[in-house]
Amino acid sequence: MPNVKSSIPYPSRRDNERCHDQANKQIEKFYKIFRDMSFEISFTNALILMPKFASTLKALIGNKEKLSEMARTSMNEHYSAVILNKLPRKLGDPA
């Protein structure tokens, strides 16, 4: 008897749900990063400067993937040692 696999009636629907879930997670990350930003500026100055920053905001919104990449910084042993001030003690000249 041949081994028959049962198939899902609409596999594209499952894939669309995965893509939708992944997009929602990325949007949530973007909003979290955007909420964490703080700007100290008066409302009148914001209205005056708004046309100048429109292109910057469009670029930020358009490049969500790059923004989340910039927000994450990979740490290796060297960088974490520098930040935690746990650098190894320098040794004298061996010669």
PDB file of N, CA and C in Angstrom:
ATOM      1  N   MET A   1       0.845  -1.174   0.000  1.00  0.00           N
ATOM      2  CA  MET A   1       0.000   0.000   0.000  1.00  0.00           C
ATOM      3  C   MET A   1       0.897   1.245   0.000  1.00  0.00           C
ATOM      4  N   PRO A   2       0.703   2.164  -0.944  1.00  0.00           N
ATOM      5  CA  PRO A   2       1.540   3.366  -1.009  1.00  0.00           C
ATOM      6  C   PRO A   2       1.242   4.314   0.156  1.00  0.00           C
ATOM      7  N   ASN A   3       2.270   5.028   0.556  1.00  0.00           N
ATOM      8  CA  ASN A   3       2.152   5.988   1.654  1.00  0.00           C
ATOM      9  C   ASN A   3       1.542   7.285   1.106  1.00  0.00           C
ATOM     10  N   VAL A   4       0.328   7.571   1.478  1.00  0.00           N
ATOM     11  CA  VAL A   4      -0.379   8.750   0.980  1.00  0.00           C
ATOM     12  C   VAL A   4      -0.361   9.824   2.060  1.00  0.00           C
ATOM     13  N   LYS A   5       0.131  10.997   1.692  1.00  0.00           N
ATOM     14  CA  LYS A   5       0.152  12.115   2.637  1.00  0.00           C
ATOM     15  C   LYS A   5      -1.129  12.920   2.483  1.00  0.00           C
ATOM     16  N   SER A   6      -1.701  13.268   3.595  1.00  0.00           N
ATOM     17  CA  SER A   6      -2.881  14.125   3.516  1.00  0.00           C
ATOM     18  C   SER A   6      -2.402  15.565   3.352  1.00  0.00           C
ATOM     19  N   SER A   7      -3.075  16.278   2.506  1.00  0.00           N
ATOM     20  CA  SER A   7      -2.658  17.658   2.252  1.00  0.00           C
ATOM     21  C   SER A   7      -3.660  18.624   2.861  1.00  0.00           C
ATOM     22  N   ILE A   8      -3.166  19.775   3.191  1.00  0.00           N
ATOM     23  CA  ILE A   8      -4.020  20.827   3.731  1.00  0.00           C
ATOM     24  C   ILE A   8      -4.803  21.414   2.560  1.00  0.00           C
ATOM     25  N   PRO A   9      -6.095  21.664   2.724  1.00  0.00           N
ATOM     26  CA  PRO A   9      -6.897  22.142   1.599  1.00  0.00           C
ATOM     27  C   PRO A   9      -6.385  23.452   0.993  1.00  0.00           C
ATOM     28  N   TYR A  10      -5.962  24.387   1.832  1.00  0.00           N
ATOM     29  CA  TYR A  10      -5.499  25.673   1.326  1.00  0.00           C
ATOM     30  C   TYR A  10      -4.148  26.009   1.960  1.00  0.00           C
ATOM     31  N   PRO A  11      -3.043  25.445   1.449  1.00  0.00           N
ATOM     32  CA  PRO A  11      -1.739  25.706   2.075  1.00  0.00           C
ATOM     33  C   PRO A  11      -1.310  27.166   1.950  1.00  0.00           C
ATOM     34  N   SER A  12      -1.776  27.848   0.909  1.00  0.00           N
ATOM     35  CA  SER A  12      -1.389  29.254   0.756  1.00  0.00           C
ATOM     36  C   SER A  12      -1.971  30.104   1.881  1.00  0.00           C
ATOM     37  N   ARG A  13      -3.113  29.699   2.399  1.00  0.00           N
ATOM     38  CA  ARG A  13      -3.724  30.440   3.503  1.00  0.00           C
ATOM     39  C   ARG A  13      -2.842  30.362   4.748  1.00  0.00           C
ATOM     40  N   ARG A  14      -2.287  29.185   5.018  1.00  0.00           N
ATOM     41  CA  ARG A  14      -1.383  29.011   6.156  1.00  0.00           C
ATOM     42  C   ARG A  14      -0.135  29.876   5.973  1.00  0.00           C
ATOM     43  N   ASP A  15       0.405  29.904   4.750  1.00  0.00           N
ATOM     44  CA  ASP A  15       1.586  30.721   4.476  1.00  0.00           C
ATOM     45  C   ASP A  15       1.269  32.200   4.631  1.00  0.00           C
ATOM     46  N   ASN A  16       0.083  32.610   4.180  1.00  0.00           N
ATOM     47  CA  ASN A  16      -0.315  34.009   4.322  1.00  0.00           C
ATOM     48  C   ASN A  16      -0.448  34.394   5.788  1.00  0.00           C
ATOM     49  N   GLU A  17      -0.959  33.481   6.597  1.00  0.00           N
ATOM     50  CA  GLU A  17      -1.083  33.755   8.033  1.00  0.00           C
ATOM     51  C   GLU A  17       0.290  33.909   8.667  1.00  0.00           C
ATOM     52  N   ARG A  18       1.248  33.082   8.264  1.00  0.00           N
ATOM     53  CA  ARG A  18       2.614  33.194   8.789  1.00  0.00           C
ATOM     54  C   ARG A  18       3.219  34.539   8.406  1.00  0.00           C
ATOM     55  N   CYS A  19       3.059  34.921   7.141  1.00  0.00           N
ATOM     56  CA  CYS A  19       3.598  36.209   6.687  1.00  0.00           C
ATOM     57  C   CYS A  19       2.934  37.352   7.435  1.00  0.00           C
ATOM     58  N   HIS A  20       1.634  37.233   7.649  1.00  0.00           N
ATOM     59  CA  HIS A  20       0.895  38.274   8.359  1.00  0.00           C
ATOM     60  C   HIS A  20       1.375  38.378   9.806  1.00  0.00           C
ATOM     61  N   ASP A  21       1.588  37.228  10.452  1.00  0.00           N
ATOM     62  CA  ASP A  21       2.093  37.230  11.831  1.00  0.00           C
ATOM     63  C   ASP A  21       3.488  37.831  11.900  1.00  0.00           C
ATOM     64  N   GLN A  22       4.334  37.479  10.943  1.00  0.00           N
ATOM     65  CA  GLN A  22       5.693  38.016  10.919  1.00  0.00           C
ATOM     66  C   GLN A  22       5.671  39.528  10.688  1.00  0.00           C
ATOM     67  N   ALA A  23       4.806  39.992   9.798  1.00  0.00           N
ATOM     68  CA  ALA A  23       4.689  41.429   9.547  1.00  0.00           C
ATOM     69  C   ALA A  23       4.198  42.153  10.795  1.00  0.00           C
ATOM     70  N   ASN A  24       3.243  41.563  11.499  1.00  0.00           N
ATOM     71  CA  ASN A  24       2.754  42.176  12.740  1.00  0.00           C
ATOM     72  C   ASN A  24       3.855  42.276  13.783  1.00  0.00           C
ATOM     73  N   LYS A  25       4.690  41.238  13.891  1.00  0.00           N
ATOM     74  CA  LYS A  25       5.799  41.277  14.848  1.00  0.00           C
ATOM     75  C   LYS A  25       6.785  42.380  14.487  1.00  0.00           C
ATOM     76  N   GLN A  26       7.078  42.536  13.189  1.00  0.00           N
ATOM     77  CA  GLN A  26       8.001  43.584  12.760  1.00  0.00           C
ATOM     78  C   GLN A  26       7.418  44.963  13.032  1.00  0.00           C
ATOM     79  N   ILE A  27       6.124  45.123  12.800  1.00  0.00           N
ATOM     80  CA  ILE A  27       5.479  46.411  13.061  1.00  0.00           C
ATOM     81  C   ILE A  27       5.514  46.722  14.546  1.00  0.00           C
ATOM     82  N   GLU A  28       5.267  45.712  15.382  1.00  0.00           N
ATOM     83  CA  GLU A  28       5.328  45.924  16.832  1.00  0.00           C
ATOM     84  C   GLU A  28       6.729  46.331  17.268  1.00  0.00           C
ATOM     85  N   LYS A  29       7.771  45.703  16.704  1.00  0.00           N
ATOM     86  CA  LYS A  29       9.148  46.084  17.026  1.00  0.00           C
ATOM     87  C   LYS A  29       9.414  47.528  16.620  1.00  0.00           C
ATOM     88  N   PHE A  30       8.934  47.901  15.426  1.00  0.00           N
ATOM     89  CA  PHE A  30       9.144  49.262  14.943  1.00  0.00           C
ATOM     90  C   PHE A  30       8.463  50.269  15.860  1.00  0.00           C
ATOM     91  N   TYR A  31       7.219  49.993  16.242  1.00  0.00           N
ATOM     92  CA  TYR A  31       6.505  50.909  17.134  1.00  0.00           C
ATOM     93  C   TYR A  31       7.181  51.003  18.494  1.00  0.00           C
ATOM     94  N   LYS A  32       7.714  49.877  18.980  1.00  0.00           N
ATOM     95  CA  LYS A  32       8.421  49.901  20.267  1.00  0.00           C
ATOM     96  C   LYS A  32       9.658  50.789  20.169  1.00  0.00           C
ATOM     97  N   ILE A  33      10.426  50.640  19.100  1.00  0.00           N
ATOM     98  CA  ILE A  33      11.613  51.473  18.903  1.00  0.00           C
ATOM     99  C   ILE A  33      11.202  52.930  18.776  1.00  0.00           C
ATOM    100  N   PHE A  34      10.138  53.182  18.040  1.00  0.00           N
ATOM    101  CA  PHE A  34       9.680  54.556  17.825  1.00  0.00           C
ATOM    102  C   PHE A  34       9.175  55.164  19.134  1.00  0.00           C
ATOM    103  N   ARG A  35       8.499  54.369  19.975  1.00  0.00           N
ATOM    104  CA  ARG A  35       8.030  54.871  21.273  1.00  0.00           C
ATOM    105  C   ARG A  35       9.195  55.202  22.191  1.00  0.00           C
ATOM    106  N   ASP A  36      10.274  54.420  22.097  1.00  0.00           N
ATOM    107  CA  ASP A  36      11.424  54.644  22.964  1.00  0.00           C
ATOM    108  C   ASP A  36      12.196  55.913  22.604  1.00  0.00           C
ATOM    109  N   MET A  37      12.004  56.412  21.394  1.00  0.00           N
ATOM    110  CA  MET A  37      12.658  57.662  21.001  1.00  0.00           C
ATOM    111  C   MET A  37      11.989  58.820  21.732  1.00  0.00           C
ATOM    112  N   SER A  38      12.784  59.779  22.117  1.00  0.00           N
ATOM    113  CA  SER A  38      12.192  60.966  22.746  1.00  0.00           C
ATOM    114  C   SER A  38      12.830  62.212  22.145  1.00  0.00           C
ATOM    115  N   PHE A  39      12.003  63.203  21.908  1.00  0.00           N
ATOM    116  CA  PHE A  39      12.454  64.458  21.330  1.00  0.00           C
ATOM    117  C   PHE A  39      12.015  65.590  22.238  1.00  0.00           C
ATOM    118  N   GLU A  40      12.954  66.432  22.608  1.00  0.00           N
ATOM    119  CA  GLU A  40      12.646  67.600  23.430  1.00  0.00           C
ATOM    120  C   GLU A  40      12.521  68.802  22.486  1.00  0.00           C
ATOM    121  N   ILE A  41      11.292  69.114  22.080  1.00  0.00           N
ATOM    122  CA  ILE A  41      11.071  70.222  21.151  1.00  0.00           C
ATOM    123  C   ILE A  41       9.684  70.794  21.428  1.00  0.00           C
ATOM    124  N   SER A  42       9.562  72.106  21.300  1.00  0.00           N
ATOM    125  CA  SER A  42       8.260  72.727  21.543  1.00  0.00           C
ATOM    126  C   SER A  42       7.330  72.462  20.362  1.00  0.00           C
ATOM    127  N   PHE A  43       6.046  72.587  20.608  1.00  0.00           N
ATOM    128  CA  PHE A  43       5.056  72.303  19.572  1.00  0.00           C
ATOM    129  C   PHE A  43       5.183  73.276  18.398  1.00  0.00           C
ATOM    130  N   THR A  44       5.430  74.554  18.682  1.00  0.00           N
ATOM    131  CA  THR A  44       5.559  75.535  17.588  1.00  0.00           C
ATOM    132  C   THR A  44       6.785  75.238  16.739  1.00  0.00           C
ATOM    133  N   ASN A  45       7.890  74.875  17.377  1.00  0.00           N
ATOM    134  CA  ASN A  45       9.083  74.524  16.601  1.00  0.00           C
ATOM    135  C   ASN A  45       8.839  73.262  15.782  1.00  0.00           C
ATOM    136  N   ALA A  46       8.082  72.338  16.334  1.00  0.00           N
ATOM    137  CA  ALA A  46       7.764  71.120  15.594  1.00  0.00           C
ATOM    138  C   ALA A  46       6.956  71.444  14.343  1.00  0.00           C
ATOM    139  N   LEU A  47       6.001  72.351  14.468  1.00  0.00           N
ATOM    140  CA  LEU A  47       5.207  72.739  13.298  1.00  0.00           C
ATOM    141  C   LEU A  47       6.063  73.450  12.260  1.00  0.00           C
ATOM    142  N   ILE A  48       6.995  74.279  12.722  1.00  0.00           N
ATOM    143  CA  ILE A  48       7.866  75.006  11.790  1.00  0.00           C
ATOM    144  C   ILE A  48       8.812  74.037  11.073  1.00  0.00           C
ATOM    145  N   LEU A  49       9.360  73.074  11.808  1.00  0.00           N
ATOM    146  CA  LEU A  49      10.360  72.158  11.256  1.00  0.00           C
ATOM    147  C   LEU A  49       9.765  70.930  10.575  1.00  0.00           C
ATOM    148  N   MET A  50       8.445  70.760  10.633  1.00  0.00           N
ATOM    149  CA  MET A  50       7.816  69.559  10.099  1.00  0.00           C
ATOM    150  C   MET A  50       8.142  69.303   8.624  1.00  0.00           C
ATOM    151  N   PRO A  51       8.087  70.302   7.741  1.00  0.00           N
ATOM    152  CA  PRO A  51       8.425  70.006   6.341  1.00  0.00           C
ATOM    153  C   PRO A  51       9.862  69.516   6.169  1.00  0.00           C
ATOM    154  N   LYS A  52      10.778  69.981   7.011  1.00  0.00           N
ATOM    155  CA  LYS A  52      12.176  69.560   6.897  1.00  0.00           C
ATOM    156  C   LYS A  52      12.355  68.105   7.300  1.00  0.00           C
ATOM    157  N   PHE A  53      11.573  67.640   8.274  1.00  0.00           N
ATOM    158  CA  PHE A  53      11.717  66.278   8.774  1.00  0.00           C
ATOM    159  C   PHE A  53      10.814  65.276   8.065  1.00  0.00           C
ATOM    160  N   ALA A  54       9.975  65.733   7.158  1.00  0.00           N
ATOM    161  CA  ALA A  54       9.052  64.818   6.478  1.00  0.00           C
ATOM    162  C   ALA A  54       9.811  63.738   5.712  1.00  0.00           C
ATOM    163  N   SER A  55      10.859  64.134   4.996  1.00  0.00           N
ATOM    164  CA  SER A  55      11.618  63.141   4.226  1.00  0.00           C
ATOM    165  C   SER A  55      12.333  62.156   5.151  1.00  0.00           C
ATOM    166  N   THR A  56      12.802  62.630   6.303  1.00  0.00           N
ATOM    167  CA  THR A  56      13.470  61.744   7.255  1.00  0.00           C
ATOM    168  C   THR A  56      12.489  60.725   7.817  1.00  0.00           C
ATOM    169  N   LEU A  57      11.289  61.182   8.185  1.00  0.00           N
ATOM    170  CA  LEU A  57      10.287  60.254   8.711  1.00  0.00           C
ATOM    171  C   LEU A  57       9.855  59.241   7.657  1.00  0.00           C
ATOM    172  N   LYS A  58       9.724  59.693   6.403  1.00  0.00           N
ATOM    173  CA  LYS A  58       9.377  58.765   5.325  1.00  0.00           C
ATOM    174  C   LYS A  58      10.463  57.709   5.165  1.00  0.00           C
ATOM    175  N   ALA A  59      11.722  58.134   5.252  1.00  0.00           N
ATOM    176  CA  ALA A  59      12.832  57.188   5.122  1.00  0.00           C
ATOM    177  C   ALA A  59      12.829  56.191   6.273  1.00  0.00           C
ATOM    178  N   LEU A  60      12.541  56.664   7.495  1.00  0.00           N
ATOM    179  CA  LEU A  60      12.482  55.758   8.647  1.00  0.00           C
ATOM    180  C   LEU A  60      11.369  54.738   8.486  1.00  0.00           C
ATOM    181  N   ILE A  61      10.211  55.204   8.055  1.00  0.00           N
ATOM    182  CA  ILE A  61       9.068  54.303   7.899  1.00  0.00           C
ATOM    183  C   ILE A  61       9.302  53.341   6.739  1.00  0.00           C
ATOM    184  N   GLY A  62       9.919  53.827   5.663  1.00  0.00           N
ATOM    185  CA  GLY A  62      10.176  52.982   4.499  1.00  0.00           C
ATOM    186  C   GLY A  62      11.238  51.931   4.738  1.00  0.00           C
ATOM    187  N   ASN A  63      12.174  52.203   5.629  1.00  0.00           N
ATOM    188  CA  ASN A  63      13.284  51.278   5.884  1.00  0.00           C
ATOM    189  C   ASN A  63      13.162  50.652   7.262  1.00  0.00           C
ATOM    190  N   LYS A  64      12.019  50.058   7.551  1.00  0.00           N
ATOM    191  CA  LYS A  64      11.787  49.470   8.876  1.00  0.00           C
ATOM    192  C   LYS A  64      12.788  48.366   9.180  1.00  0.00           C
ATOM    193  N   GLU A  65      13.126  47.559   8.179  1.00  0.00           N
ATOM    194  CA  GLU A  65      14.051  46.466   8.423  1.00  0.00           C
ATOM    195  C   GLU A  65      15.418  47.003   8.823  1.00  0.00           C
ATOM    196  N   LYS A  66      15.882  48.040   8.100  1.00  0.00           N
ATOM    197  CA  LYS A  66      17.188  48.610   8.416  1.00  0.00           C
ATOM    198  C   LYS A  66      17.170  49.256   9.794  1.00  0.00           C
ATOM    199  N   LEU A  67      16.057  49.867  10.159  1.00  0.00           N
ATOM    200  CA  LEU A  67      15.949  50.509  11.466  1.00  0.00           C
ATOM    201  C   LEU A  67      16.049  49.479  12.578  1.00  0.00           C
ATOM    202  N   SER A  68      15.385  48.348  12.409  1.00  0.00           N
ATOM    203  CA  SER A  68      15.464  47.323  13.453  1.00  0.00           C
ATOM    204  C   SER A  68      16.852  46.705  13.494  1.00  0.00           C
ATOM    205  N   GLU A  69      17.540  46.632  12.334  1.00  0.00           N
ATOM    206  CA  GLU A  69      18.912  46.124  12.334  1.00  0.00           C
ATOM    207  C   GLU A  69      19.838  47.075  13.075  1.00  0.00           C
ATOM    208  N   MET A  70      19.629  48.382  12.894  1.00  0.00           N
ATOM    209  CA  MET A  70      20.465  49.360  13.575  1.00  0.00           C
ATOM    210  C   MET A  70      20.190  49.353  15.073  1.00  0.00           C
ATOM    211  N   ALA A  71      18.985  49.025  15.474  1.00  0.00           N
ATOM    212  CA  ALA A  71      18.639  49.026  16.892  1.00  0.00           C
ATOM    213  C   ALA A  71      19.303  47.873  17.628  1.00  0.00           C
ATOM    214  N   ARG A  72      19.535  46.782  16.922  1.00  0.00           N
ATOM    215  CA  ARG A  72      20.178  45.627  17.538  1.00  0.00           C
ATOM    216  C   ARG A  72      21.680  45.682  17.288  1.00  0.00           C
ATOM    217  N   THR A  73      22.457  45.531  18.314  1.00  0.00           N
ATOM    218  CA  THR A  73      23.904  45.506  18.187  1.00  0.00           C
ATOM    219  C   THR A  73      24.404  44.190  18.750  1.00  0.00           C
ATOM    220  N   SER A  74      25.164  43.493  17.941  1.00  0.00           N
ATOM    221  CA  SER A  74      25.670  42.209  18.424  1.00  0.00           C
ATOM    222  C   SER A  74      26.847  42.450  19.367  1.00  0.00           C
ATOM    223  N   MET A  75      26.904  41.633  20.396  1.00  0.00           N
ATOM    224  CA  MET A  75      27.965  41.770  21.392  1.00  0.00           C
ATOM    225  C   MET A  75      28.813  40.505  21.377  1.00  0.00           C
ATOM    226  N   ASN A  76      30.113  40.696  21.334  1.00  0.00           N
ATOM    227  CA  ASN A  76      30.987  39.549  21.532  1.00  0.00           C
ATOM    228  C   ASN A  76      31.735  39.746  22.841  1.00  0.00           C
ATOM    229  N   GLU A  77      32.644  38.847  23.149  1.00  0.00           N
ATOM    230  CA  GLU A  77      33.320  38.905  24.448  1.00  0.00           C
ATOM    231  C   GLU A  77      34.086  40.205  24.633  1.00  0.00           C
ATOM    232  N   HIS A  78      34.715  40.683  23.555  1.00  0.00           N
ATOM    233  CA  HIS A  78      35.539  41.889  23.670  1.00  0.00           C
ATOM    234  C   HIS A  78      34.691  43.101  24.042  1.00  0.00           C
ATOM    235  N   TYR A  79      33.586  43.304  23.329  1.00  0.00           N
ATOM    236  CA  TYR A  79      32.750  44.477  23.595  1.00  0.00           C
ATOM    237  C   TYR A  79      32.094  44.409  24.968  1.00  0.00           C
ATOM    238  N   SER A  80      31.626  43.229  25.346  1.00  0.00           N
ATOM    239  CA  SER A  80      30.994  43.129  26.657  1.00  0.00           C
ATOM    240  C   SER A  80      32.023  43.354  27.762  1.00  0.00           C
ATOM    241  N   ALA A  81      33.276  42.934  27.557  1.00  0.00           N
ATOM    242  CA  ALA A  81      34.326  43.175  28.551  1.00  0.00           C
ATOM    243  C   ALA A  81      34.620  44.666  28.668  1.00  0.00           C
ATOM    244  N   VAL A  82      34.609  45.375  27.548  1.00  0.00           N
ATOM    245  CA  VAL A  82      34.860  46.819  27.572  1.00  0.00           C
ATOM    246  C   VAL A  82      33.742  47.528  28.314  1.00  0.00           C
ATOM    247  N   ILE A  83      32.501  47.161  28.036  1.00  0.00           N
ATOM    248  CA  ILE A  83      31.361  47.824  28.672  1.00  0.00           C
ATOM    249  C   ILE A  83      31.325  47.529  30.168  1.00  0.00           C
ATOM    250  N   LEU A  84      31.616  46.314  30.552  1.00  0.00           N
ATOM    251  CA  LEU A  84      31.561  45.929  31.962  1.00  0.00           C
ATOM    252  C   LEU A  84      32.859  46.228  32.715  1.00  0.00           C
ATOM    253  N   ASN A  85      33.841  46.817  32.039  1.00  0.00           N
ATOM    254  CA  ASN A  85      35.154  47.128  32.625  1.00  0.00           C
ATOM    255  C   ASN A  85      35.815  45.881  33.209  1.00  0.00           C
ATOM    256  N   LYS A  86      35.726  44.797  32.494  1.00  0.00           N
ATOM    257  CA  LYS A  86      36.355  43.550  32.929  1.00  0.00           C
ATOM    258  C   LYS A  86      37.462  43.159  31.957  1.00  0.00           C
ATOM    259  N   LEU A  87      38.281  44.123  31.580  1.00  0.00           N
ATOM    260  CA  LEU A  87      39.377  43.838  30.670  1.00  0.00           C
ATOM    261  C   LEU A  87      40.458  43.057  31.412  1.00  0.00           C
ATOM    262  N   PRO A  88      41.138  42.160  30.732  1.00  0.00           N
ATOM    263  CA  PRO A  88      42.205  41.416  31.403  1.00  0.00           C
ATOM    264  C   PRO A  88      43.365  42.344  31.772  1.00  0.00           C
ATOM    265  N   ARG A  89      44.057  42.010  32.861  1.00  0.00           N
ATOM    266  CA  ARG A  89      45.176  42.817  33.326  1.00  0.00           C
ATOM    267  C   ARG A  89      46.334  42.670  32.348  1.00  0.00           C
ATOM    268  N   LYS A  90      46.995  43.795  32.037  1.00  0.00           N
ATOM    269  CA  LYS A  90      48.126  43.755  31.117  1.00  0.00           C
ATOM    270  C   LYS A  90      49.308  43.068  31.793  1.00  0.00           C
ATOM    271  N   LEU A  91      49.969  42.238  31.025  1.00  0.00           N
ATOM    272  CA  LEU A  91      51.142  41.536  31.534  1.00  0.00           C
ATOM    273  C   LEU A  91      52.401  42.291  31.112  1.00  0.00           C
ATOM    274  N   GLY A  92      53.457  42.059  31.805  1.00  0.00           N
ATOM    275  CA  GLY A  92      54.724  42.719  31.477  1.00  0.00           C
ATOM    276  C   GLY A  92      55.347  42.138  30.222  1.00  0.00           C
ATOM    277  N   ASP A  93      56.477  42.703  29.818  1.00  0.00           N
ATOM    278  CA  ASP A  93      57.203  42.253  28.639  1.00  0.00           C
ATOM    279  C   ASP A  93      57.816  40.885  28.922  1.00  0.00           C
ATOM    280  N   PRO A  94      57.534  39.858  28.093  1.00  0.00           N
ATOM    281  CA  PRO A  94      58.050  38.523  28.377  1.00  0.00           C
ATOM    282  C   PRO A  94      59.555  38.395  28.147  1.00  0.00           C
ATOM    283  N   ALA A  95      60.178  39.301  27.442  1.00  0.00           N
ATOM    284  CA  ALA A  95      61.609  39.168  27.128  1.00  0.00           C
ATOM    285  C   ALA A  95      62.515  39.705  28.182  1.00  0.00           C
TER     286      ALA A  95
END
